[in-house]
Amino acid sequence: MTAAAPPDPVPRRAVLAARLRQHRALALGQLVRGLAYGTGTALAGAVALWLRAHT
């Protein structure tokens, strides 16, 4: 019985690139979430102002 060859180590550049992609996706998600929250807050404020002015 022969021992299996050890797996090739993942190149450092590939590991760093994978981390960068993951970080970029997370940062983009946070940006979109923040923009959506800000837009919703602004719309709610505009509706409240309109209601106050027209009632």
N, C-alpha and C. Protein backbone atom coordinates (compact mmCIF):
# COMPACT_ATOMS: atom_id res chain seq x y z
N MET A 1 0.85 -1.17 0.00
CA MET A 1 0.00 0.00 0.00
C MET A 1 0.90 1.24 0.00
N THR A 2 0.60 2.16 -0.89
CA THR A 2 1.42 3.37 -0.97
C THR A 2 0.65 4.54 -0.37
N ALA A 3 1.40 5.46 0.17
CA ALA A 3 0.78 6.65 0.77
C ALA A 3 0.39 7.62 -0.34
N ALA A 4 -0.71 8.27 -0.14
CA ALA A 4 -1.16 9.26 -1.12
C ALA A 4 -0.23 10.47 -1.07
N ALA A 5 -0.04 11.06 -2.20
CA ALA A 5 0.81 12.25 -2.26
C ALA A 5 0.12 13.40 -1.54
N PRO A 6 0.89 14.20 -0.84
CA PRO A 6 0.26 15.34 -0.15
C PRO A 6 -0.31 16.31 -1.17
N PRO A 7 -1.41 16.98 -0.84
CA PRO A 7 -2.00 17.93 -1.80
C PRO A 7 -1.04 19.10 -2.05
N ASP A 8 -1.13 19.64 -3.23
CA ASP A 8 -0.30 20.80 -3.55
C ASP A 8 -0.75 21.97 -2.69
N PRO A 9 0.20 22.68 -2.11
CA PRO A 9 -0.21 23.84 -1.30
C PRO A 9 -0.80 24.92 -2.20
N VAL A 10 -1.81 25.60 -1.67
CA VAL A 10 -2.45 26.68 -2.42
C VAL A 10 -1.48 27.85 -2.44
N PRO A 11 -1.22 28.40 -3.61
CA PRO A 11 -0.30 29.54 -3.67
C PRO A 11 -0.80 30.71 -2.83
N ARG A 12 0.11 31.40 -2.21
CA ARG A 12 -0.24 32.53 -1.34
C ARG A 12 -1.04 33.58 -2.10
N ARG A 13 -0.69 33.81 -3.33
CA ARG A 13 -1.41 34.81 -4.13
C ARG A 13 -2.88 34.43 -4.29
N ALA A 14 -3.15 33.14 -4.49
CA ALA A 14 -4.54 32.69 -4.65
C ALA A 14 -5.32 32.88 -3.35
N VAL A 15 -4.67 32.62 -2.22
CA VAL A 15 -5.33 32.80 -0.92
C VAL A 15 -5.66 34.27 -0.70
N LEU A 16 -4.69 35.13 -1.01
CA LEU A 16 -4.92 36.56 -0.83
C LEU A 16 -6.01 37.08 -1.77
N ALA A 17 -6.02 36.58 -3.00
CA ALA A 17 -7.04 37.01 -3.95
C ALA A 17 -8.43 36.57 -3.48
N ALA A 18 -8.53 35.36 -2.93
CA ALA A 18 -9.82 34.88 -2.44
C ALA A 18 -10.30 35.74 -1.27
N ARG A 19 -9.38 36.10 -0.38
CA ARG A 19 -9.76 36.95 0.76
C ARG A 19 -10.20 38.32 0.28
N LEU A 20 -9.51 38.86 -0.71
CA LEU A 20 -9.86 40.17 -1.24
C LEU A 20 -11.25 40.14 -1.88
N ARG A 21 -11.55 39.08 -2.63
CA ARG A 21 -12.88 38.96 -3.23
C ARG A 21 -13.96 38.89 -2.16
N GLN A 22 -13.69 38.12 -1.11
CA GLN A 22 -14.66 37.98 -0.03
C GLN A 22 -14.86 39.32 0.68
N HIS A 23 -13.77 40.02 0.95
CA HIS A 23 -13.86 41.32 1.62
C HIS A 23 -14.59 42.34 0.74
N ARG A 24 -14.29 42.32 -0.56
CA ARG A 24 -14.94 43.25 -1.48
C ARG A 24 -16.44 43.01 -1.53
N ALA A 25 -16.84 41.74 -1.56
CA ALA A 25 -18.27 41.40 -1.59
C ALA A 25 -18.94 41.86 -0.30
N LEU A 26 -18.28 41.68 0.82
CA LEU A 26 -18.85 42.11 2.09
C LEU A 26 -18.98 43.62 2.14
N ALA A 27 -17.95 44.33 1.70
CA ALA A 27 -17.97 45.78 1.71
C ALA A 27 -19.06 46.31 0.77
N LEU A 28 -19.20 45.69 -0.39
CA LEU A 28 -20.24 46.11 -1.33
C LEU A 28 -21.63 45.87 -0.74
N GLY A 29 -21.80 44.75 -0.07
CA GLY A 29 -23.08 44.46 0.59
C GLY A 29 -23.41 45.49 1.65
N GLN A 30 -22.41 45.89 2.44
CA GLN A 30 -22.64 46.91 3.47
C GLN A 30 -22.99 48.26 2.84
N LEU A 31 -22.34 48.58 1.72
CA LEU A 31 -22.63 49.83 1.03
C LEU A 31 -24.07 49.85 0.52
N VAL A 32 -24.49 48.77 -0.10
CA VAL A 32 -25.85 48.68 -0.63
C VAL A 32 -26.86 48.76 0.52
N ARG A 33 -26.55 48.07 1.61
CA ARG A 33 -27.44 48.10 2.77
C ARG A 33 -27.56 49.51 3.33
N GLY A 34 -26.44 50.21 3.42
CA GLY A 34 -26.46 51.58 3.93
C GLY A 34 -27.22 52.52 3.02
N LEU A 35 -27.04 52.37 1.72
CA LEU A 35 -27.76 53.21 0.77
C LEU A 35 -29.26 52.95 0.83
N ALA A 36 -29.64 51.69 0.95
CA ALA A 36 -31.06 51.35 1.05
C ALA A 36 -31.66 51.93 2.33
N TYR A 37 -30.93 51.82 3.43
CA TYR A 37 -31.42 52.37 4.70
C TYR A 37 -31.56 53.88 4.60
N GLY A 38 -30.56 54.55 4.04
CA GLY A 38 -30.60 56.00 3.91
C GLY A 38 -31.73 56.46 3.00
N THR A 39 -31.94 55.73 1.91
CA THR A 39 -33.02 56.08 0.98
C THR A 39 -34.37 55.90 1.66
N GLY A 40 -34.54 54.80 2.37
CA GLY A 40 -35.80 54.57 3.08
C GLY A 40 -36.07 55.64 4.12
N THR A 41 -35.03 56.04 4.83
CA THR A 41 -35.18 57.08 5.85
C THR A 41 -35.56 58.42 5.20
N ALA A 42 -34.91 58.74 4.09
CA ALA A 42 -35.23 59.99 3.40
C ALA A 42 -36.66 59.98 2.87
N LEU A 43 -37.09 58.87 2.30
CA LEU A 43 -38.46 58.78 1.79
C LEU A 43 -39.48 58.90 2.93
N ALA A 44 -39.20 58.23 4.03
CA ALA A 44 -40.11 58.31 5.17
C ALA A 44 -40.19 59.75 5.69
N GLY A 45 -39.06 60.44 5.72
CA GLY A 45 -39.07 61.84 6.16
C GLY A 45 -39.85 62.72 5.20
N ALA A 46 -39.69 62.48 3.89
CA ALA A 46 -40.42 63.27 2.90
C ALA A 46 -41.92 63.04 3.01
N VAL A 47 -42.32 61.81 3.21
CA VAL A 47 -43.75 61.50 3.36
C VAL A 47 -44.29 62.15 4.62
N ALA A 48 -43.54 62.08 5.71
CA ALA A 48 -43.99 62.69 6.96
C ALA A 48 -44.13 64.20 6.80
N LEU A 49 -43.18 64.83 6.11
CA LEU A 49 -43.25 66.27 5.88
C LEU A 49 -44.47 66.62 5.01
N TRP A 50 -44.70 65.83 3.98
CA TRP A 50 -45.85 66.08 3.10
C TRP A 50 -47.16 65.92 3.88
N LEU A 51 -47.25 64.87 4.69
CA LEU A 51 -48.46 64.66 5.49
C LEU A 51 -48.69 65.81 6.46
N ARG A 52 -47.61 66.29 7.08
CA ARG A 52 -47.73 67.39 8.02
C ARG A 52 -48.20 68.67 7.31
N ALA A 53 -47.73 68.86 6.09
CA ALA A 53 -48.06 70.07 5.36
C ALA A 53 -49.47 70.01 4.76
N HIS A 54 -49.98 68.82 4.50
CA HIS A 54 -51.27 68.68 3.81
C HIS A 54 -52.39 68.14 4.68
N THR A 55 -52.22 68.15 5.97
CA THR A 55 -53.32 67.70 6.84
C THR A 55 -53.65 68.74 7.87
